[in-house]
Amino acid sequence: MENPRRTVAVVDDDTSLRRSLGRLLNAYGFQANEYASAEAFLSRDPKTTIDCLVLDIDLGGMSGIDLQRRLTAEGTTLPVIFITALETGSAKAQAEKAGCVAYLQKQFSGATLIAAINKALGL
């Protein structure tokens, strides 16, 4: 029996980056679901299974860290990889406190992201 593809949600308000990450994930055998905001992610079909979340910290509206906190408060144990263009020590500390698996500063390499996802999924 073939293993089902793991689904990785990408939440980023930068359309170009979101699409490029989706293509990268698909090339590595993952199913990529793309969301332009935290609110769009929260309003997805509840039957949609997500195995890992790649989440931008600085989103218009609800921030990535606020989304992670909300998911945690709701009892979700979804592994989160934070990505950001804004490097501040306080953002990294907040992300780590929120329980991220990895914290990547944009322009990270595709290999770095795939390694973080594999780690998050125990692959």
Protein backbone atom coordinates (compact mmCIF):
# COMPACT_ATOMS: atom_id res chain seq x y z
CA MET A 1 0.00 0.00 0.00
CA GLU A 2 1.34 3.41 -0.98
CA ASN A 3 1.86 6.06 1.71
CA PRO A 4 -0.53 8.98 1.32
CA ARG A 5 0.99 12.37 0.54
CA ARG A 6 1.44 14.55 3.60
CA THR A 7 -0.32 17.91 3.43
CA VAL A 8 1.58 21.08 4.27
CA ALA A 9 -0.34 24.34 4.61
CA VAL A 10 1.51 27.49 3.59
CA VAL A 11 0.15 30.71 5.10
CA ASP A 12 1.79 33.82 3.65
CA ASP A 13 0.33 37.08 2.36
CA ASP A 14 3.00 37.29 -0.37
CA THR A 15 1.32 35.59 -3.35
CA SER A 16 4.55 35.00 -5.25
CA LEU A 17 6.33 33.39 -2.30
CA ARG A 18 3.28 31.33 -1.35
CA ARG A 19 3.00 29.91 -4.87
CA SER A 20 6.69 29.21 -5.10
CA LEU A 21 6.66 27.35 -1.80
CA GLY A 22 3.63 25.40 -3.02
CA ARG A 23 5.51 24.34 -6.16
CA LEU A 24 8.57 23.38 -4.10
CA LEU A 25 6.49 21.26 -1.74
CA ASN A 26 4.71 19.53 -4.62
CA ALA A 27 8.07 18.78 -6.25
CA TYR A 28 9.13 17.02 -3.03
CA GLY A 29 5.97 14.91 -2.92
CA PHE A 30 3.92 16.94 -0.46
CA GLN A 31 0.41 18.19 -1.04
CA ALA A 32 0.54 21.98 -0.61
CA ASN A 33 -2.49 23.97 0.51
CA GLU A 34 -2.00 27.71 0.21
CA TYR A 35 -3.68 30.40 2.31
CA ALA A 36 -3.23 34.19 1.98
CA SER A 37 -4.00 34.91 5.64
CA ALA A 38 -4.46 33.40 9.08
CA GLU A 39 -8.17 34.07 8.74
CA ALA A 40 -8.32 32.15 5.44
CA PHE A 41 -6.56 29.22 7.12
CA LEU A 42 -9.05 29.27 9.99
CA SER A 43 -12.01 29.35 7.60
CA ARG A 44 -10.81 26.36 5.54
CA ASP A 45 -13.01 23.29 5.25
CA PRO A 46 -12.70 21.59 8.67
CA LYS A 47 -12.39 18.20 6.92
CA THR A 48 -9.11 19.33 5.34
CA THR A 49 -6.29 17.40 6.96
CA ILE A 50 -3.12 19.40 7.56
CA ASP A 51 0.05 17.62 8.69
CA CYS A 52 2.37 20.65 9.01
CA LEU A 53 2.01 24.42 8.87
CA VAL A 54 4.51 26.80 7.24
CA LEU A 55 3.48 30.13 8.68
CA ASP A 56 4.64 33.69 8.02
CA ILE A 57 4.88 35.75 11.19
CA ASP A 58 3.98 39.12 9.68
CA LEU A 59 0.58 38.78 8.03
CA GLY A 60 -2.02 41.46 7.38
CA GLY A 61 -4.66 40.93 10.08
CA MET A 62 -3.98 38.17 12.59
CA SER A 63 -0.24 37.49 12.93
CA GLY A 64 1.30 34.08 12.49
CA ILE A 65 2.22 33.96 16.17
CA ASP A 66 -1.36 34.81 17.16
CA LEU A 67 -2.61 32.03 14.87
CA GLN A 68 -0.21 29.55 16.48
CA ARG A 69 -1.35 30.60 19.96
CA ARG A 70 -4.99 30.21 18.97
CA LEU A 71 -4.40 26.74 17.53
CA THR A 72 -2.55 25.72 20.69
CA ALA A 73 -5.36 27.08 22.89
CA GLU A 74 -7.83 25.00 20.85
CA GLY A 75 -5.75 21.88 21.51
CA THR A 76 -4.21 21.58 18.06
CA THR A 77 -0.78 19.94 18.05
CA LEU A 78 0.02 20.81 14.45
CA PRO A 79 3.78 21.29 13.93
CA VAL A 80 4.57 24.85 12.87
CA ILE A 81 7.52 26.24 10.94
CA PHE A 82 7.66 30.02 11.16
CA ILE A 83 9.07 32.04 8.29
CA THR A 84 9.79 35.76 8.38
CA ALA A 85 11.46 38.59 6.52
CA LEU A 86 11.72 40.65 9.71
CA GLU A 87 14.43 39.37 11.99
CA THR A 88 14.00 40.51 15.55
CA GLY A 89 15.09 38.72 18.65
CA SER A 90 11.71 39.28 20.23
CA ALA A 91 9.83 37.73 17.27
CA LYS A 92 12.09 34.68 17.38
CA ALA A 93 11.63 34.36 21.14
CA GLN A 94 7.84 34.64 20.77
CA ALA A 95 7.82 32.06 17.98
CA GLU A 96 9.88 29.63 20.01
CA LYS A 97 7.70 30.21 23.08
CA ALA A 98 4.63 29.51 20.92
CA GLY A 99 6.17 26.11 20.16
CA CYS A 100 7.52 26.21 16.63
CA VAL A 101 9.57 23.37 15.17
CA ALA A 102 11.75 25.77 13.17
CA TYR A 103 12.21 29.50 12.63
CA LEU A 104 13.49 30.43 9.17
CA GLN A 105 14.45 33.87 7.93
CA LYS A 106 13.50 34.63 4.32
CA GLN A 107 15.54 33.97 1.92
CA PHE A 108 15.99 30.47 3.25
CA SER A 109 16.91 27.69 0.86
CA GLY A 110 14.40 25.14 -0.36
CA ALA A 111 16.54 22.40 1.15
CA THR A 112 16.40 24.10 4.56
CA LEU A 113 12.59 24.25 4.44
CA ILE A 114 12.24 20.64 3.28
CA ALA A 115 14.60 19.49 6.07
CA ALA A 116 12.50 21.39 8.64
CA ILE A 117 9.27 19.85 7.30
CA ASN A 118 10.78 16.36 7.34
CA LYS A 119 11.89 16.93 10.94
CA ALA A 120 8.43 18.23 11.90
CA LEU A 121 6.79 15.17 10.36
CA GLY A 122 9.31 12.69 11.75
CA LEU A 123 10.41 11.61 8.25
